[in-house]
Every structure is written in C-alpha cells, then in structure tokens.
C-alpha cells in the first residue's frame, strides 16, 4: 500500500538517546523522500552513527542485541507483575503489550499525594494526572520497568506497597 509509512527508531533497541531511525514505505514514497533535498541539506543525517548502526545490522549483532533485550525486559516485566500481585493486591492493571511502562490504578489513592510519601521511601513514579489533558487519572501511576533489575523492581514495589498501606490509614 502506497499510503502506509512506518517510522522507527534505534533508540529502544540499541541505545537510549540514539537519534537515528529508519522509514519503511512503498518505493514511490521513499523516492519522494530521498529526492526532497533533506539529505542534501546536511540537517537530516548523522553519517557516523549511520555507519556504526549499518555495521551492527550487517554483522547480525543488532539482532543479537534485540534478542538479549527481549529476554531482559521480559524478566523485568514479570518482576513488576509478580511484585504488584504480592505487594499491591488492590492495584488494577493490564500487562503492557509494548513500551516500557505499567499503568497501574490504585483505587481511592491520589497519586500526587502518594508520590511525595513514596519519594521519602526512595521510590518514584509518575502520577497519571501528568499524562491527562483534563486533570484525570488521579488514581493512576506509571511505572517503568526498563531501567532496574528484577530484584530492585521487587524492592521498589514492596516499598511502594508499604506507602499505599500507610496512605490508606490517613
């Protein structure tokens, strides 16, 4: 289909902060894009990073890295799920089907209030209200699972569970 353009990035499969990606599209679309002058303007490409990534792709090392990431992120996702079930049994959530975040609903909890208490326990999250254009999602938190090891995830959610328990006692 000529109308479909897929834009992707290497930042989540190779290196956070790497501002290099690729486009998949019908060859007519690709021809229009490559002939638009962007590539000649000097503002759209990073030849050095492109050459490094090309080498990784051609050597098969990128595919190996993706395989390792799937294994590692899968273990971290399972760690969050297990810890939420153990330490926050009243939490409502669905397993993420993509991305690096769990969206967790804590019924009866104002996430903004909980956050300052959690930070005192060396735990942090983003409250759902930060992602709402209408000041909604007040009882939601967003938890990232991509940075921490499973043991650290369990400890953090255990601390968070203690904060939620004491929040309920307010």
N, C-alpha and C. Protein backbone atom coordinates (compact mmCIF):
# COMPACT_ATOMS: atom_id res chain seq x y z
N UNK A 1 0.84 -1.18 0.00
CA UNK A 1 0.00 0.00 0.00
C UNK A 1 0.89 1.24 0.00
N UNK A 2 0.61 2.11 -0.92
CA UNK A 2 1.42 3.31 -1.06
C UNK A 2 1.17 4.33 0.04
N UNK A 3 0.07 4.23 0.77
CA UNK A 3 -0.27 5.24 1.77
C UNK A 3 0.35 4.97 3.14
N UNK A 4 0.96 3.83 3.33
CA UNK A 4 1.47 3.46 4.64
C UNK A 4 2.96 3.81 4.75
N UNK A 5 3.27 4.57 5.80
CA UNK A 5 4.66 4.92 6.10
C UNK A 5 4.91 4.52 7.54
N UNK A 6 5.94 3.74 7.78
CA UNK A 6 6.32 3.32 9.13
C UNK A 6 7.65 3.99 9.48
N UNK A 7 7.65 4.72 10.59
CA UNK A 7 8.85 5.41 11.05
C UNK A 7 9.28 4.76 12.36
N UNK A 8 10.52 4.36 12.45
CA UNK A 8 11.03 3.63 13.61
C UNK A 8 12.35 4.23 14.09
N UNK A 9 12.76 3.83 15.29
CA UNK A 9 13.97 4.38 15.89
C UNK A 9 14.83 3.26 16.46
N UNK A 10 16.12 3.49 16.47
CA UNK A 10 17.05 2.55 17.08
C UNK A 10 17.21 2.81 18.58
N UNK A 11 16.60 3.88 19.09
CA UNK A 11 16.86 4.27 20.48
C UNK A 11 16.44 3.22 21.49
N UNK A 12 15.37 2.47 21.25
CA UNK A 12 14.94 1.48 22.23
C UNK A 12 15.50 0.09 21.96
N UNK A 13 16.09 -0.11 20.81
CA UNK A 13 16.64 -1.44 20.50
C UNK A 13 18.16 -1.46 20.44
N UNK A 14 18.76 -0.28 20.58
CA UNK A 14 20.21 -0.23 20.50
C UNK A 14 20.81 0.64 21.61
N UNK A 15 20.39 1.89 21.69
CA UNK A 15 20.97 2.79 22.69
C UNK A 15 19.99 3.93 22.97
N UNK A 16 19.58 4.09 24.23
CA UNK A 16 18.72 5.23 24.56
C UNK A 16 19.43 6.53 24.18
N UNK A 17 18.68 7.43 23.61
CA UNK A 17 19.27 8.71 23.20
C UNK A 17 19.83 8.70 21.80
N UNK A 18 19.96 7.54 21.17
CA UNK A 18 20.44 7.48 19.80
C UNK A 18 19.34 8.01 18.88
N UNK A 19 19.60 9.12 18.27
CA UNK A 19 18.60 9.75 17.42
C UNK A 19 18.84 9.35 15.96
N UNK A 20 18.55 8.09 15.71
CA UNK A 20 18.71 7.55 14.37
C UNK A 20 17.60 6.54 14.16
N UNK A 21 16.98 6.58 13.01
CA UNK A 21 15.88 5.67 12.75
C UNK A 21 15.83 5.27 11.29
N UNK A 22 14.70 4.73 10.91
CA UNK A 22 14.51 4.31 9.54
C UNK A 22 13.05 4.46 9.16
N UNK A 23 12.82 4.48 7.88
CA UNK A 23 11.47 4.59 7.34
C UNK A 23 11.23 3.38 6.45
N UNK A 24 10.06 2.79 6.60
CA UNK A 24 9.61 1.73 5.70
C UNK A 24 8.40 2.27 4.96
N UNK A 25 8.45 2.22 3.65
CA UNK A 25 7.36 2.73 2.85
C UNK A 25 7.45 2.15 1.43
N UNK A 26 6.42 2.38 0.67
CA UNK A 26 6.41 1.99 -0.73
C UNK A 26 7.57 2.71 -1.43
N UNK A 27 8.14 2.07 -2.44
CA UNK A 27 9.33 2.66 -3.08
C UNK A 27 9.05 4.03 -3.69
N UNK A 28 7.82 4.31 -4.11
CA UNK A 28 7.50 5.64 -4.63
C UNK A 28 7.61 6.70 -3.52
N UNK A 29 7.16 6.34 -2.33
CA UNK A 29 7.24 7.27 -1.19
C UNK A 29 8.69 7.48 -0.80
N UNK A 30 9.45 6.40 -0.74
CA UNK A 30 10.87 6.52 -0.38
C UNK A 30 11.59 7.39 -1.41
N UNK A 31 11.27 7.23 -2.67
CA UNK A 31 11.89 8.03 -3.73
C UNK A 31 11.58 9.52 -3.53
N UNK A 32 10.32 9.84 -3.19
CA UNK A 32 9.95 11.24 -2.93
C UNK A 32 10.72 11.80 -1.74
N UNK A 33 10.84 11.00 -0.70
CA UNK A 33 11.55 11.47 0.50
C UNK A 33 13.03 11.69 0.22
N UNK A 34 13.65 10.74 -0.46
CA UNK A 34 15.09 10.87 -0.71
C UNK A 34 15.39 11.96 -1.73
N UNK A 35 14.43 12.32 -2.54
CA UNK A 35 14.63 13.38 -3.52
C UNK A 35 14.17 14.75 -3.04
N UNK A 36 13.80 14.86 -1.78
CA UNK A 36 13.22 16.12 -1.28
C UNK A 36 14.24 17.18 -0.92
N UNK A 37 15.49 16.86 -0.88
CA UNK A 37 16.51 17.83 -0.51
C UNK A 37 16.95 17.74 0.94
N UNK A 38 16.21 17.01 1.75
CA UNK A 38 16.57 16.89 3.16
C UNK A 38 17.95 16.27 3.32
N UNK A 39 18.23 15.23 2.55
CA UNK A 39 19.52 14.57 2.69
C UNK A 39 20.67 15.45 2.23
N UNK A 40 20.41 16.31 1.27
CA UNK A 40 21.46 17.21 0.80
C UNK A 40 21.64 18.43 1.70
N UNK A 41 20.64 18.71 2.53
CA UNK A 41 20.70 19.92 3.35
C UNK A 41 21.67 19.79 4.52
N UNK A 42 22.06 18.59 4.85
CA UNK A 42 23.00 18.38 5.94
C UNK A 42 22.35 18.33 7.30
N UNK A 43 21.06 18.58 7.39
CA UNK A 43 20.39 18.60 8.69
C UNK A 43 19.67 17.32 9.05
N UNK A 44 19.67 16.34 8.17
CA UNK A 44 18.84 15.18 8.43
C UNK A 44 19.57 13.88 8.70
N UNK A 45 20.85 13.82 8.49
CA UNK A 45 21.57 12.56 8.63
C UNK A 45 22.74 12.69 9.60
N UNK A 46 23.08 11.59 10.19
CA UNK A 46 24.28 11.51 11.00
C UNK A 46 25.12 10.39 10.38
N UNK A 47 26.02 10.72 9.48
CA UNK A 47 26.76 9.70 8.74
C UNK A 47 27.56 8.76 9.64
N UNK A 48 28.15 9.29 10.69
CA UNK A 48 28.96 8.45 11.58
C UNK A 48 28.09 7.42 12.29
N UNK A 49 27.02 7.89 12.95
CA UNK A 49 26.13 6.95 13.65
C UNK A 49 25.49 5.98 12.66
N UNK A 50 25.12 6.47 11.49
CA UNK A 50 24.52 5.61 10.47
C UNK A 50 25.48 4.49 10.07
N UNK A 51 26.74 4.82 9.91
CA UNK A 51 27.73 3.81 9.52
C UNK A 51 27.92 2.77 10.63
N UNK A 52 27.94 3.22 11.88
CA UNK A 52 28.08 2.28 13.00
C UNK A 52 26.89 1.33 13.07
N UNK A 53 25.70 1.87 12.95
CA UNK A 53 24.49 1.04 13.03
C UNK A 53 24.42 0.11 11.83
N UNK A 54 24.78 0.59 10.67
CA UNK A 54 24.79 -0.28 9.48
C UNK A 54 25.71 -1.48 9.72
N UNK A 55 26.89 -1.22 10.30
CA UNK A 55 27.81 -2.32 10.60
C UNK A 55 27.21 -3.33 11.56
N UNK A 56 26.49 -2.84 12.57
CA UNK A 56 25.84 -3.74 13.53
C UNK A 56 24.75 -4.58 12.85
N UNK A 57 24.00 -3.95 11.97
CA UNK A 57 22.95 -4.68 11.25
C UNK A 57 23.56 -5.75 10.35
N UNK A 58 24.55 -5.36 9.57
CA UNK A 58 25.16 -6.29 8.62
C UNK A 58 25.89 -7.44 9.31
N UNK A 59 26.43 -7.19 10.50
CA UNK A 59 27.15 -8.25 11.22
C UNK A 59 26.21 -9.19 11.98
N UNK A 60 24.94 -8.81 12.10
CA UNK A 60 23.99 -9.62 12.86
C UNK A 60 23.97 -9.30 14.34
N UNK A 61 24.84 -8.38 14.79
CA UNK A 61 24.91 -8.04 16.21
C UNK A 61 23.67 -7.31 16.70
N UNK A 62 23.02 -6.55 15.84
CA UNK A 62 21.80 -5.86 16.26
C UNK A 62 20.71 -6.88 16.60
N UNK A 63 20.60 -7.91 15.79
CA UNK A 63 19.60 -8.95 16.05
C UNK A 63 19.89 -9.65 17.37
N UNK A 64 21.15 -9.91 17.67
CA UNK A 64 21.53 -10.49 18.95
C UNK A 64 21.20 -9.58 20.11
N UNK A 65 21.42 -8.28 19.93
CA UNK A 65 21.08 -7.31 20.97
C UNK A 65 19.58 -7.29 21.23
N UNK A 66 18.79 -7.33 20.17
CA UNK A 66 17.34 -7.34 20.33
C UNK A 66 16.90 -8.60 21.07
N UNK A 67 17.50 -9.72 20.76
CA UNK A 67 17.18 -10.96 21.47
C UNK A 67 17.49 -10.85 22.96
N UNK A 68 18.65 -10.28 23.28
CA UNK A 68 19.02 -10.08 24.69
C UNK A 68 18.05 -9.14 25.39
N UNK A 69 17.66 -8.05 24.71
CA UNK A 69 16.71 -7.10 25.29
C UNK A 69 15.36 -7.75 25.56
N UNK A 70 14.90 -8.57 24.63
CA UNK A 70 13.61 -9.26 24.84
C UNK A 70 13.66 -10.13 26.09
N UNK A 71 14.75 -10.83 26.27
CA UNK A 71 14.91 -11.69 27.44
C UNK A 71 14.95 -10.85 28.72
N UNK A 72 15.78 -9.82 28.71
CA UNK A 72 15.94 -8.98 29.90
C UNK A 72 14.67 -8.21 30.23
N UNK A 73 14.08 -7.57 29.25
CA UNK A 73 12.85 -6.81 29.51
C UNK A 73 11.70 -7.73 29.88
N UNK A 74 11.69 -8.93 29.32
CA UNK A 74 10.66 -9.90 29.70
C UNK A 74 10.76 -10.26 31.17
N UNK A 75 11.99 -10.47 31.65
CA UNK A 75 12.19 -10.79 33.07
C UNK A 75 11.78 -9.61 33.95
N UNK A 76 12.07 -8.41 33.52
CA UNK A 76 11.72 -7.22 34.30
C UNK A 76 10.21 -7.01 34.32
N UNK A 77 9.56 -7.24 33.19
CA UNK A 77 8.10 -7.14 33.13
C UNK A 77 7.47 -8.15 34.10
N UNK A 78 7.96 -9.36 34.09
CA UNK A 78 7.44 -10.39 35.00
C UNK A 78 7.69 -10.02 36.46
N UNK A 79 8.82 -9.36 36.73
CA UNK A 79 9.13 -8.94 38.09
C UNK A 79 8.13 -7.90 38.58
N UNK A 80 7.76 -6.96 37.72
CA UNK A 80 6.76 -5.96 38.11
C UNK A 80 5.43 -6.64 38.36
N UNK A 81 5.01 -7.49 37.45
CA UNK A 81 3.74 -8.20 37.60
C UNK A 81 3.69 -8.98 38.91
N UNK A 82 4.73 -9.74 39.16
CA UNK A 82 4.79 -10.55 40.39
C UNK A 82 4.78 -9.68 41.64
N UNK A 83 5.56 -8.61 41.63
CA UNK A 83 5.63 -7.73 42.80
C UNK A 83 4.31 -7.00 43.02
N UNK A 84 3.66 -6.56 41.95
CA UNK A 84 2.35 -5.91 42.11
C UNK A 84 1.34 -6.87 42.73
N UNK A 85 1.34 -8.11 42.26
CA UNK A 85 0.43 -9.11 42.83
C UNK A 85 0.71 -9.35 44.30
N UNK A 86 1.98 -9.35 44.67
CA UNK A 86 2.37 -9.63 46.05
C UNK A 86 2.17 -8.45 46.99
N UNK A 87 2.59 -7.25 46.56
CA UNK A 87 2.67 -6.11 47.46
C UNK A 87 1.58 -5.05 47.26
N UNK A 88 0.90 -5.11 46.14
CA UNK A 88 -0.20 -4.18 45.88
C UNK A 88 -1.39 -4.95 45.31
N UNK A 89 -1.96 -5.84 46.11
CA UNK A 89 -3.02 -6.70 45.59
C UNK A 89 -4.28 -5.95 45.15
N UNK A 90 -4.49 -4.73 45.62
CA UNK A 90 -5.67 -3.97 45.21
C UNK A 90 -5.43 -3.19 43.91
N UNK A 91 -4.21 -3.21 43.41
CA UNK A 91 -3.89 -2.49 42.18
C UNK A 91 -4.59 -3.12 40.98
N UNK A 92 -4.98 -2.26 40.06
CA UNK A 92 -5.61 -2.71 38.82
C UNK A 92 -4.70 -2.33 37.66
N UNK A 93 -4.41 -3.29 36.79
CA UNK A 93 -3.53 -3.03 35.66
C UNK A 93 -3.65 -4.15 34.65
N UNK A 94 -3.15 -3.90 33.47
CA UNK A 94 -3.02 -4.92 32.43
C UNK A 94 -1.55 -5.01 32.09
N UNK A 95 -1.10 -6.19 31.72
CA UNK A 95 0.29 -6.33 31.28
C UNK A 95 0.50 -5.51 30.01
N UNK A 96 1.57 -4.74 29.97
CA UNK A 96 1.85 -3.95 28.76
C UNK A 96 2.08 -4.87 27.56
N UNK A 97 1.56 -4.46 26.43
CA UNK A 97 1.79 -5.20 25.19
C UNK A 97 2.89 -4.55 24.36
N UNK A 98 3.43 -3.46 24.87
CA UNK A 98 4.50 -2.73 24.21
C UNK A 98 4.93 -1.60 25.12
N UNK A 99 6.06 -1.03 24.84
CA UNK A 99 6.56 0.06 25.66
C UNK A 99 7.21 -0.44 26.94
N UNK A 100 7.58 0.51 27.79
CA UNK A 100 8.35 0.21 29.00
C UNK A 100 7.61 0.55 30.28
N UNK A 101 6.28 0.68 30.21
CA UNK A 101 5.56 1.17 31.37
C UNK A 101 4.35 0.31 31.72
N UNK A 102 4.11 0.22 33.02
CA UNK A 102 2.86 -0.31 33.54
C UNK A 102 2.01 0.89 33.93
N UNK A 103 0.75 0.87 33.55
CA UNK A 103 -0.22 1.84 34.03
C UNK A 103 -1.01 1.14 35.12
N UNK A 104 -0.91 1.65 36.33
CA UNK A 104 -1.48 0.98 37.50
C UNK A 104 -2.51 1.91 38.13
N UNK A 105 -3.71 1.38 38.35
CA UNK A 105 -4.74 2.15 39.05
C UNK A 105 -4.75 1.71 40.50
N UNK A 106 -4.72 2.70 41.38
CA UNK A 106 -4.79 2.46 42.82
C UNK A 106 -6.08 3.10 43.32
N UNK A 107 -7.18 2.33 43.31
CA UNK A 107 -8.47 2.92 43.69
C UNK A 107 -8.43 3.58 45.07
N UNK A 108 -8.96 4.80 45.12
CA UNK A 108 -9.03 5.53 46.38
C UNK A 108 -7.76 6.26 46.76
N UNK A 109 -6.76 6.25 45.90
CA UNK A 109 -5.48 6.88 46.21
C UNK A 109 -5.26 8.06 45.27
N UNK A 110 -4.88 9.19 45.82
CA UNK A 110 -4.48 10.32 45.00
C UNK A 110 -2.98 10.17 44.75
N UNK A 111 -2.63 9.86 43.52
CA UNK A 111 -1.24 9.54 43.19
C UNK A 111 -0.29 10.69 43.47
N UNK A 112 -0.73 11.92 43.30
CA UNK A 112 0.14 13.07 43.57
C UNK A 112 0.49 13.13 45.06
N UNK A 113 -0.48 12.86 45.92
CA UNK A 113 -0.20 12.82 47.37
C UNK A 113 0.72 11.66 47.72
N UNK A 114 0.46 10.52 47.11
CA UNK A 114 1.25 9.32 47.39
C UNK A 114 2.70 9.51 46.95
N UNK A 115 2.91 10.26 45.89
CA UNK A 115 4.26 10.39 45.33
C UNK A 115 5.26 10.98 46.33
N UNK A 116 4.87 12.01 47.05
CA UNK A 116 5.82 12.61 47.99
C UNK A 116 6.17 11.63 49.11
N UNK A 117 5.19 10.87 49.56
CA UNK A 117 5.46 9.85 50.58
C UNK A 117 6.36 8.76 50.01
N UNK A 118 6.10 8.36 48.78
CA UNK A 118 6.92 7.32 48.14
C UNK A 118 8.36 7.79 47.97
N UNK A 119 8.54 9.05 47.59
CA UNK A 119 9.89 9.58 47.41
C UNK A 119 10.66 9.56 48.73
N UNK A 120 9.96 9.76 49.85
CA UNK A 120 10.61 9.65 51.16
C UNK A 120 11.11 8.23 51.41
N UNK A 121 10.48 7.26 50.74
CA UNK A 121 10.89 5.85 50.85
C UNK A 121 11.80 5.45 49.71
N UNK A 122 12.33 6.42 48.99
CA UNK A 122 13.24 6.22 47.86
C UNK A 122 12.60 5.42 46.73
N UNK A 123 11.34 5.74 46.45
CA UNK A 123 10.61 5.15 45.34
C UNK A 123 9.99 6.31 44.57
N UNK A 124 9.95 6.19 43.26
CA UNK A 124 9.33 7.25 42.48
C UNK A 124 8.52 6.65 41.34
N UNK A 125 7.60 7.44 40.86
CA UNK A 125 6.76 7.09 39.73
C UNK A 125 6.22 8.39 39.17
N UNK A 126 5.55 8.31 38.08
CA UNK A 126 4.86 9.47 37.53
C UNK A 126 3.38 9.26 37.77
N UNK A 127 2.74 10.30 38.31
CA UNK A 127 1.31 10.18 38.53
C UNK A 127 0.56 10.36 37.22
N UNK A 128 -0.53 9.64 37.08
CA UNK A 128 -1.29 9.64 35.85
C UNK A 128 -1.77 11.01 35.41
N UNK A 129 -2.03 11.88 36.37
CA UNK A 129 -2.53 13.22 36.04
C UNK A 129 -1.57 13.98 35.12
N UNK A 130 -0.28 13.69 35.21
CA UNK A 130 0.69 14.35 34.33
C UNK A 130 0.46 14.03 32.86
N UNK A 131 -0.24 12.94 32.59
CA UNK A 131 -0.46 12.49 31.22
C UNK A 131 -1.89 12.72 30.76
N UNK A 132 -2.65 13.47 31.54
CA UNK A 132 -4.05 13.73 31.22
C UNK A 132 -4.22 15.19 30.82
N UNK A 133 -4.92 15.43 29.75
CA UNK A 133 -5.18 16.81 29.31
C UNK A 133 -6.36 17.42 30.06
N UNK A 134 -7.07 16.60 30.85
CA UNK A 134 -8.26 17.09 31.54
C UNK A 134 -8.19 16.82 33.04
N UNK A 135 -7.00 16.76 33.60
CA UNK A 135 -6.79 16.53 35.03
C UNK A 135 -7.43 15.23 35.51
N UNK A 136 -7.41 14.23 34.68
CA UNK A 136 -7.94 12.93 35.06
C UNK A 136 -6.82 12.02 35.53
N UNK A 137 -7.12 10.76 35.65
CA UNK A 137 -6.16 9.72 36.00
C UNK A 137 -5.49 9.96 37.36
N UNK A 138 -6.22 10.59 38.28
CA UNK A 138 -5.64 10.94 39.58
C UNK A 138 -5.27 9.72 40.42
N UNK A 139 -5.89 8.59 40.16
CA UNK A 139 -5.58 7.39 40.93
C UNK A 139 -4.72 6.40 40.14
N UNK A 140 -4.04 6.90 39.12
CA UNK A 140 -3.15 6.07 38.30
C UNK A 140 -1.69 6.47 38.54
N UNK A 141 -0.82 5.48 38.42
CA UNK A 141 0.62 5.73 38.41
C UNK A 141 1.21 5.01 37.20
N UNK A 142 2.33 5.54 36.74
CA UNK A 142 3.03 4.91 35.62
C UNK A 142 4.38 4.44 36.15
N UNK A 143 4.62 3.15 36.02
CA UNK A 143 5.86 2.54 36.50
C UNK A 143 6.69 2.06 35.32
N UNK A 144 7.95 2.46 35.27
CA UNK A 144 8.86 1.99 34.24
C UNK A 144 9.55 0.72 34.71
N UNK A 145 9.73 -0.22 33.80
CA UNK A 145 10.42 -1.45 34.17
C UNK A 145 11.71 -1.67 33.37
N UNK A 146 12.11 -0.70 32.57
CA UNK A 146 13.25 -0.95 31.68
C UNK A 146 14.60 -0.69 32.33
N UNK A 147 14.66 0.08 33.39
CA UNK A 147 15.95 0.50 33.93
C UNK A 147 16.47 -0.39 35.05
N UNK A 148 15.59 -0.93 35.86
CA UNK A 148 16.01 -1.62 37.07
C UNK A 148 16.03 -3.14 36.92
N UNK A 149 16.90 -3.77 37.68
CA UNK A 149 16.98 -5.23 37.72
C UNK A 149 15.77 -5.79 38.46
N UNK A 150 15.40 -7.04 38.18
CA UNK A 150 14.22 -7.62 38.86
C UNK A 150 14.26 -7.51 40.39
N UNK A 151 15.41 -7.71 41.00
CA UNK A 151 15.48 -7.60 42.47
C UNK A 151 15.21 -6.18 42.94
N UNK A 152 15.68 -5.18 42.17
CA UNK A 152 15.42 -3.78 42.52
C UNK A 152 13.95 -3.43 42.30
N UNK A 153 13.37 -3.99 41.27
CA UNK A 153 11.95 -3.77 41.00
C UNK A 153 11.11 -4.30 42.15
N UNK A 154 11.42 -5.51 42.59
CA UNK A 154 10.65 -6.09 43.69
C UNK A 154 10.77 -5.23 44.94
N UNK A 155 11.97 -4.80 45.28
CA UNK A 155 12.18 -3.97 46.46
C UNK A 155 11.43 -2.64 46.35
N UNK A 156 11.47 -2.02 45.19
CA UNK A 156 10.77 -0.75 45.00
C UNK A 156 9.27 -0.90 45.14
N UNK A 157 8.71 -1.95 44.57
CA UNK A 157 7.26 -2.13 44.66
C UNK A 157 6.87 -2.56 46.07
N UNK A 158 7.73 -3.28 46.75
CA UNK A 158 7.47 -3.60 48.15
C UNK A 158 7.38 -2.31 48.97
N UNK A 159 8.31 -1.39 48.77
CA UNK A 159 8.28 -0.09 49.47
C UNK A 159 7.03 0.70 49.09
N UNK A 160 6.70 0.66 47.81
CA UNK A 160 5.50 1.36 47.36
C UNK A 160 4.25 0.77 48.01
N UNK A 161 4.22 -0.54 48.13
CA UNK A 161 3.09 -1.19 48.79
C UNK A 161 2.95 -0.73 50.23
N UNK A 162 4.06 -0.58 50.92
CA UNK A 162 4.03 -0.08 52.30
C UNK A 162 3.49 1.35 52.34
N UNK A 163 3.88 2.17 51.38
CA UNK A 163 3.38 3.54 51.30
C UNK A 163 1.87 3.57 51.05
N UNK A 164 1.39 2.70 50.16
CA UNK A 164 -0.04 2.65 49.87
C UNK A 164 -0.81 2.20 51.11
N UNK A 165 -0.27 1.21 51.83
CA UNK A 165 -0.92 0.76 53.07
C UNK A 165 -1.03 1.90 54.08
N UNK A 166 0.05 2.66 54.27
CA UNK A 166 0.01 3.75 55.23
C UNK A 166 -0.84 4.91 54.70
N UNK A 167 -0.92 5.10 53.39
CA UNK A 167 -1.78 6.11 52.79
C UNK A 167 -3.24 5.81 53.12
N UNK A 168 -3.58 4.52 53.07
CA UNK A 168 -4.96 4.12 53.38
C UNK A 168 -5.33 4.40 54.82
N UNK A 169 -4.33 4.49 55.70
CA UNK A 169 -4.57 4.76 57.11
C UNK A 169 -4.73 6.24 57.40
N UNK A 170 -4.48 7.13 56.43
CA UNK A 170 -4.56 8.58 56.67
C UNK A 170 -5.92 8.98 57.14
